[in-house]
């Protein structure tokens, strides 16, 4: 296992991120940032002022020491193209190298967009569609299909420069929206949008938009990535924003990373995008430059391609949380077998396969908090592990399945908290699938794949589970029979394992 560091200098901040990297997987272990109004200064002065330059160098040297303390073996240092507008940028880059031995690479808009694309397709499970990145001084649109980037176009307008006209006068919200409607309509890439295409939005503008939309919708989950904002909620959020003071916008929890006036610009731009694309909804992605860089780097190290985003995400979690006794793969395989064999009894549709995959593969994830009642802790871990490739409802159902490995953990109060996302069918499903995961654990009690398959026979009020074994399965059968009471409680039949 090694560590990799990413240093990022953009229009508003200097940031350092350090990742643990293993077998093509990565885990963030440090993230620090220091605000700098570099974009405004360079735009106004066309140079980096001596004080700003000295302050930046001091922070970079501090970050360099942090990187050394974490024993990172590689450093990737990048900067946004705004640096090129400073007359003294070359001297600044030389000073960084002379003081820290780090070479700062300035990214073009196209290079930036390709890196962000790698982050988008590894954070949202959309087979085809468009993603739109809104930055400080440009907006990029990318068309993709099956994780392949087909085309891209860039508009030279973002949250910093859209708000003023050619004479330097501030535009109204309506003027900004009308202007961006024309700009989006001019893009060939958006001329023909297929009905089954998805639209994904990323960047701080969309993150702020998503956070406000969740508040307007009174959404019960505090997860940004994958939040789908309907046209109806967008309109309500827009009406809310345009009628409140900038001071109040700045006090909205969760959007302190973006100035209040930029939120207004972001909403005008995003509303124009909905109109031009005739979008019923847009999905928010937490895709970022640092994530795109780490994905690109780890993929290059292993030459691995992960076509199944969910499996890749689950494996990534397990890579940094497994131990020598982990049997997650065995429990996962047994749970899928039981789901198929017991279909005539549980009568659940295919929708629940993905939540079952998550819950069974991470059945013991709660032990990272406390081994005692890890099923209860697993609920919080699954919701906060940053798992990609599943919808919010699928993640929530998976969390409840993990919780229901101990049926006593399920409380009506906790369930009703998420009534805006879950259904009555889900309540029945999580109890049944929780027992299936618990039984899968028991049938792997020796922590070896002794039971390779099962065949289920239903006889009246009983079900007989016939095991196909490679070795002595007495322990597995003994542990499996301990689930008989829970099984009868949810399936209304007696359980017999032979």
Foldseek 3Di string as FASTA:
>chain_A
DAKEKEWEAEQWKTKIWMWDDDLLFIDTDDIDIDTDNNLVCCVVPLAQDPVNLVVVLVVLLVVLVVCVVRVHPYYHAEYECSLVSRPCSVVSQVVSCVRRVDGYHYDYPVRLVLLLLLLVVLFAPFQWAWEWEADQFKIKIFTDHLSGTDDIDMDRHHLNPLQADPVRHGDDLQVSLVVLLVVVLPDPVLVDGDPSHAYEYEDLLVQLLQLLLCVQVVALAPDQAFDKRFPVSLVVSLVVLNPDDLVVQCVPPPNVVDRSSSNSSSSSNVNSVCVSNVDRIYGYHHRDSVSSVSSVVSCVVNVDDDSQSQVSLLVSVCVVVPDPLDLLVQLLVQLVQCCVQCCVQLVDDPVLNLLLNNCSSCLQVLVVVPNVLSLLSQLVCLSPVSRHNDHPLSSNLSSLLSNLLPVVSDDPVVVVSNVVRDDPSSVLVSNQSSLSSNLSCLQCVVSDPFFVHWHWDDDVQAIEIETDGDDDRPRSQVSNQVSQVSCCVNRVGGYHYD
